[in-house]
């Protein structure tokens, strides 16, 4: 019985992973084709993708780790400059 449960759980995990990865791969392709055909619904928000299939965030601006790091560094510099230094 335990062997059958392990097989069933393994199959469920691999099936779920396969469906998830398949949706992430085919989603930009399907959306672009629907847009070209004129069958894309306009009453719901549809995610935007760049030419490489990466999802665009923040109203068309691609959010990258580099942009996040620069923003964090700017916040840290602002915090350091606003800290009052003791006067001797």
N, C-alpha and C. Protein backbone atom coordinates (compact mmCIF):
# COMPACT_ATOMS: atom_id res chain seq x y z
N UNK A 1 0.83 -1.19 0.00
CA UNK A 1 0.00 0.00 0.00
C UNK A 1 0.87 1.25 0.00
N UNK A 2 1.93 1.25 0.77
CA UNK A 2 2.81 2.39 0.85
C UNK A 2 3.47 2.69 -0.50
N UNK A 3 3.82 1.63 -1.24
CA UNK A 3 4.44 1.82 -2.55
C UNK A 3 3.48 2.50 -3.52
N UNK A 4 2.21 2.13 -3.48
CA UNK A 4 1.22 2.74 -4.35
C UNK A 4 0.99 4.21 -4.00
N UNK A 5 1.01 4.53 -2.73
CA UNK A 5 0.84 5.91 -2.29
C UNK A 5 2.02 6.76 -2.75
N UNK A 6 3.23 6.22 -2.62
CA UNK A 6 4.41 6.94 -3.08
C UNK A 6 4.35 7.20 -4.57
N UNK A 7 3.92 6.21 -5.35
CA UNK A 7 3.80 6.39 -6.79
C UNK A 7 2.76 7.45 -7.12
N UNK A 8 1.64 7.41 -6.42
CA UNK A 8 0.57 8.37 -6.68
C UNK A 8 1.00 9.80 -6.33
N UNK A 9 1.69 9.95 -5.20
CA UNK A 9 2.17 11.27 -4.80
C UNK A 9 3.21 11.78 -5.79
N UNK A 10 4.12 10.91 -6.20
CA UNK A 10 5.14 11.30 -7.17
C UNK A 10 4.50 11.73 -8.49
N UNK A 11 3.54 10.97 -8.96
CA UNK A 11 2.86 11.32 -10.22
C UNK A 11 2.11 12.65 -10.08
N UNK A 12 1.49 12.88 -8.94
CA UNK A 12 0.76 14.13 -8.71
C UNK A 12 1.71 15.33 -8.70
N UNK A 13 2.85 15.17 -8.05
CA UNK A 13 3.82 16.26 -7.99
C UNK A 13 4.37 16.57 -9.38
N UNK A 14 4.75 15.53 -10.13
CA UNK A 14 5.28 15.76 -11.47
C UNK A 14 4.22 16.31 -12.42
N UNK A 15 2.98 15.87 -12.27
CA UNK A 15 1.91 16.39 -13.12
C UNK A 15 1.65 17.86 -12.82
N UNK A 16 1.62 18.21 -11.53
CA UNK A 16 1.40 19.61 -11.16
C UNK A 16 2.55 20.48 -11.65
N UNK A 17 3.77 20.02 -11.50
CA UNK A 17 4.93 20.78 -11.97
C UNK A 17 4.89 20.93 -13.48
N UNK A 18 4.52 19.88 -14.18
CA UNK A 18 4.44 19.95 -15.64
C UNK A 18 3.37 20.92 -16.12
N UNK A 19 2.23 20.91 -15.48
CA UNK A 19 1.16 21.85 -15.86
C UNK A 19 1.59 23.28 -15.58
N UNK A 20 2.18 23.52 -14.42
CA UNK A 20 2.62 24.87 -14.06
C UNK A 20 3.67 25.39 -15.04
N UNK A 21 4.69 24.58 -15.32
CA UNK A 21 5.75 25.02 -16.23
C UNK A 21 5.22 25.18 -17.65
N UNK A 22 4.31 24.32 -18.06
CA UNK A 22 3.71 24.45 -19.37
C UNK A 22 2.91 25.73 -19.51
N UNK A 23 2.17 26.08 -18.48
CA UNK A 23 1.40 27.33 -18.52
C UNK A 23 2.32 28.53 -18.58
N UNK A 24 3.40 28.52 -17.81
CA UNK A 24 4.34 29.63 -17.82
C UNK A 24 5.03 29.75 -19.18
N UNK A 25 5.27 28.63 -19.85
CA UNK A 25 5.94 28.65 -21.15
C UNK A 25 4.99 29.11 -22.26
N UNK A 26 3.77 28.58 -22.28
CA UNK A 26 2.86 28.85 -23.38
C UNK A 26 2.02 30.10 -23.20
N UNK A 27 1.93 30.65 -21.99
CA UNK A 27 1.08 31.82 -21.76
C UNK A 27 1.42 33.00 -22.66
N UNK A 28 2.69 33.43 -22.77
CA UNK A 28 2.98 34.56 -23.65
C UNK A 28 2.71 34.25 -25.12
N UNK A 29 2.93 33.02 -25.54
CA UNK A 29 2.70 32.64 -26.92
C UNK A 29 1.22 32.72 -27.25
N UNK A 30 0.39 32.19 -26.37
CA UNK A 30 -1.06 32.19 -26.60
C UNK A 30 -1.61 33.60 -26.58
N UNK A 31 -1.17 34.42 -25.63
CA UNK A 31 -1.66 35.80 -25.54
C UNK A 31 -1.29 36.58 -26.79
N UNK A 32 -0.07 36.42 -27.27
CA UNK A 32 0.35 37.13 -28.48
C UNK A 32 -0.47 36.70 -29.70
N UNK A 33 -0.73 35.41 -29.82
CA UNK A 33 -1.51 34.93 -30.95
C UNK A 33 -2.95 35.43 -30.87
N UNK A 34 -3.54 35.43 -29.68
CA UNK A 34 -4.89 35.98 -29.52
C UNK A 34 -4.93 37.46 -29.86
N UNK A 35 -3.89 38.20 -29.49
CA UNK A 35 -3.81 39.62 -29.82
C UNK A 35 -3.73 39.81 -31.34
N UNK A 36 -2.92 39.01 -32.00
CA UNK A 36 -2.79 39.11 -33.46
C UNK A 36 -4.09 38.79 -34.17
N UNK A 37 -4.83 37.79 -33.65
CA UNK A 37 -6.08 37.38 -34.27
C UNK A 37 -7.24 38.32 -33.94
N UNK A 38 -7.06 39.19 -32.96
CA UNK A 38 -8.12 40.10 -32.56
C UNK A 38 -9.14 39.46 -31.63
N UNK A 39 -8.79 38.34 -31.01
CA UNK A 39 -9.71 37.63 -30.13
C UNK A 39 -9.38 37.82 -28.66
N UNK A 40 -8.47 38.73 -28.33
CA UNK A 40 -8.08 38.95 -26.95
C UNK A 40 -9.13 39.82 -26.25
N UNK A 41 -9.59 39.38 -25.09
CA UNK A 41 -10.62 40.13 -24.36
C UNK A 41 -10.04 41.44 -23.84
N UNK A 42 -10.84 42.48 -23.92
CA UNK A 42 -10.40 43.79 -23.45
C UNK A 42 -11.01 44.15 -22.10
N UNK A 43 -11.96 43.36 -21.60
CA UNK A 43 -12.62 43.68 -20.34
C UNK A 43 -11.85 43.16 -19.13
N UNK A 44 -10.79 42.40 -19.33
CA UNK A 44 -9.96 41.93 -18.23
C UNK A 44 -8.52 42.35 -18.48
N UNK A 45 -7.76 42.50 -17.40
CA UNK A 45 -6.36 42.89 -17.53
C UNK A 45 -5.53 41.68 -17.95
N UNK A 46 -4.77 41.84 -19.02
CA UNK A 46 -3.93 40.77 -19.53
C UNK A 46 -2.48 41.17 -19.31
N UNK A 47 -1.65 40.28 -18.77
CA UNK A 47 -0.24 40.63 -18.55
C UNK A 47 0.47 40.92 -19.86
N UNK A 48 1.41 41.85 -19.81
CA UNK A 48 2.20 42.22 -20.97
C UNK A 48 3.54 41.50 -20.93
N UNK A 49 4.04 41.09 -22.08
CA UNK A 49 5.31 40.38 -22.19
C UNK A 49 6.21 41.10 -23.18
N UNK A 50 7.53 41.02 -22.96
CA UNK A 50 8.46 41.58 -23.94
C UNK A 50 8.72 40.56 -25.04
N UNK A 51 9.60 40.88 -25.96
CA UNK A 51 9.85 40.00 -27.10
C UNK A 51 10.50 38.68 -26.71
N UNK A 52 11.10 38.61 -25.52
CA UNK A 52 11.72 37.37 -25.06
C UNK A 52 10.78 36.53 -24.21
N UNK A 53 9.55 37.00 -23.98
CA UNK A 53 8.59 36.26 -23.20
C UNK A 53 8.64 36.54 -21.71
N UNK A 54 9.39 37.55 -21.29
CA UNK A 54 9.44 37.93 -19.88
C UNK A 54 8.28 38.85 -19.56
N UNK A 55 7.65 38.62 -18.41
CA UNK A 55 6.51 39.43 -18.02
C UNK A 55 6.97 40.82 -17.64
N UNK A 56 6.29 41.83 -18.17
CA UNK A 56 6.59 43.21 -17.85
C UNK A 56 5.77 43.62 -16.64
N UNK A 57 6.41 44.32 -15.72
CA UNK A 57 5.76 44.77 -14.50
C UNK A 57 5.82 46.29 -14.42
N UNK A 58 5.06 46.87 -13.52
CA UNK A 58 5.06 48.31 -13.28
C UNK A 58 4.78 49.12 -14.54
N UNK A 59 3.65 48.83 -15.16
CA UNK A 59 3.18 49.57 -16.33
C UNK A 59 4.21 49.59 -17.46
N UNK A 60 4.66 48.44 -17.84
CA UNK A 60 5.55 48.33 -18.99
C UNK A 60 7.02 48.39 -18.68
N UNK A 61 7.39 48.61 -17.45
CA UNK A 61 8.81 48.68 -17.09
C UNK A 61 9.25 47.32 -16.56
N UNK A 62 10.30 46.77 -17.13
CA UNK A 62 10.81 45.48 -16.69
C UNK A 62 11.54 45.66 -15.36
N UNK A 63 11.13 44.92 -14.36
CA UNK A 63 11.77 44.98 -13.05
C UNK A 63 12.84 43.90 -13.01
N UNK A 64 14.07 44.32 -12.78
CA UNK A 64 15.19 43.38 -12.73
C UNK A 64 15.83 43.43 -11.35
N UNK A 65 16.64 42.42 -11.07
CA UNK A 65 17.35 42.40 -9.79
C UNK A 65 18.31 43.58 -9.68
N UNK A 66 18.88 43.98 -10.80
CA UNK A 66 19.81 45.12 -10.79
C UNK A 66 19.09 46.40 -10.38
N UNK A 67 17.88 46.60 -10.88
CA UNK A 67 17.10 47.79 -10.50
C UNK A 67 16.73 47.75 -9.03
N UNK A 68 16.42 46.58 -8.53
CA UNK A 68 16.07 46.43 -7.11
C UNK A 68 17.29 46.73 -6.25
N UNK A 69 18.48 46.24 -6.65
CA UNK A 69 19.71 46.51 -5.89
C UNK A 69 20.02 48.01 -5.87
N UNK A 70 19.88 48.68 -7.02
CA UNK A 70 20.16 50.12 -7.08
C UNK A 70 19.19 50.89 -6.19
N UNK A 71 17.94 50.49 -6.19
CA UNK A 71 16.95 51.16 -5.34
C UNK A 71 17.29 50.96 -3.87
N UNK A 72 17.71 49.76 -3.51
CA UNK A 72 18.08 49.46 -2.12
C UNK A 72 19.30 50.29 -1.70
N UNK A 73 20.30 50.39 -2.59
CA UNK A 73 21.49 51.17 -2.28
C UNK A 73 21.14 52.64 -2.11
N UNK A 74 20.25 53.15 -2.95
CA UNK A 74 19.85 54.55 -2.83
C UNK A 74 19.14 54.80 -1.50
N UNK A 75 18.29 53.85 -1.08
CA UNK A 75 17.61 53.98 0.20
C UNK A 75 18.60 53.96 1.35
N UNK A 76 19.62 53.09 1.27
CA UNK A 76 20.62 53.00 2.33
C UNK A 76 21.44 54.28 2.41
N UNK A 77 21.81 54.85 1.25
CA UNK A 77 22.57 56.09 1.24
C UNK A 77 21.76 57.23 1.82
N UNK A 78 20.47 57.26 1.50
CA UNK A 78 19.60 58.29 2.04
C UNK A 78 19.49 58.14 3.56
N UNK A 79 19.38 56.91 4.03
CA UNK A 79 19.28 56.67 5.48
C UNK A 79 20.58 57.08 6.18
N UNK A 80 21.73 56.79 5.55
CA UNK A 80 23.02 57.15 6.16
C UNK A 80 23.20 58.66 6.20
N UNK A 81 22.76 59.35 5.16
CA UNK A 81 22.95 60.79 5.12
C UNK A 81 21.99 61.51 6.07
N UNK A 82 20.85 60.91 6.36
CA UNK A 82 19.88 61.58 7.22
C UNK A 82 20.15 61.29 8.71
N UNK A 83 21.00 60.34 9.00
CA UNK A 83 21.34 60.05 10.40
C UNK A 83 22.18 61.20 10.94
N UNK A 84 21.74 61.74 12.06
CA UNK A 84 22.49 62.88 12.63
C UNK A 84 23.79 62.36 13.26
N UNK A 85 24.86 63.07 12.98
CA UNK A 85 26.15 62.71 13.52
C UNK A 85 26.43 63.55 14.76
N UNK A 86 27.01 62.92 15.78
CA UNK A 86 27.26 63.66 17.03
C UNK A 86 28.29 64.77 16.80
N UNK A 87 28.02 65.88 17.42
CA UNK A 87 28.93 67.03 17.33
C UNK A 87 29.77 67.06 18.60
N UNK A 88 31.09 67.17 18.47
CA UNK A 88 31.99 67.18 19.63
C UNK A 88 32.27 68.57 20.06
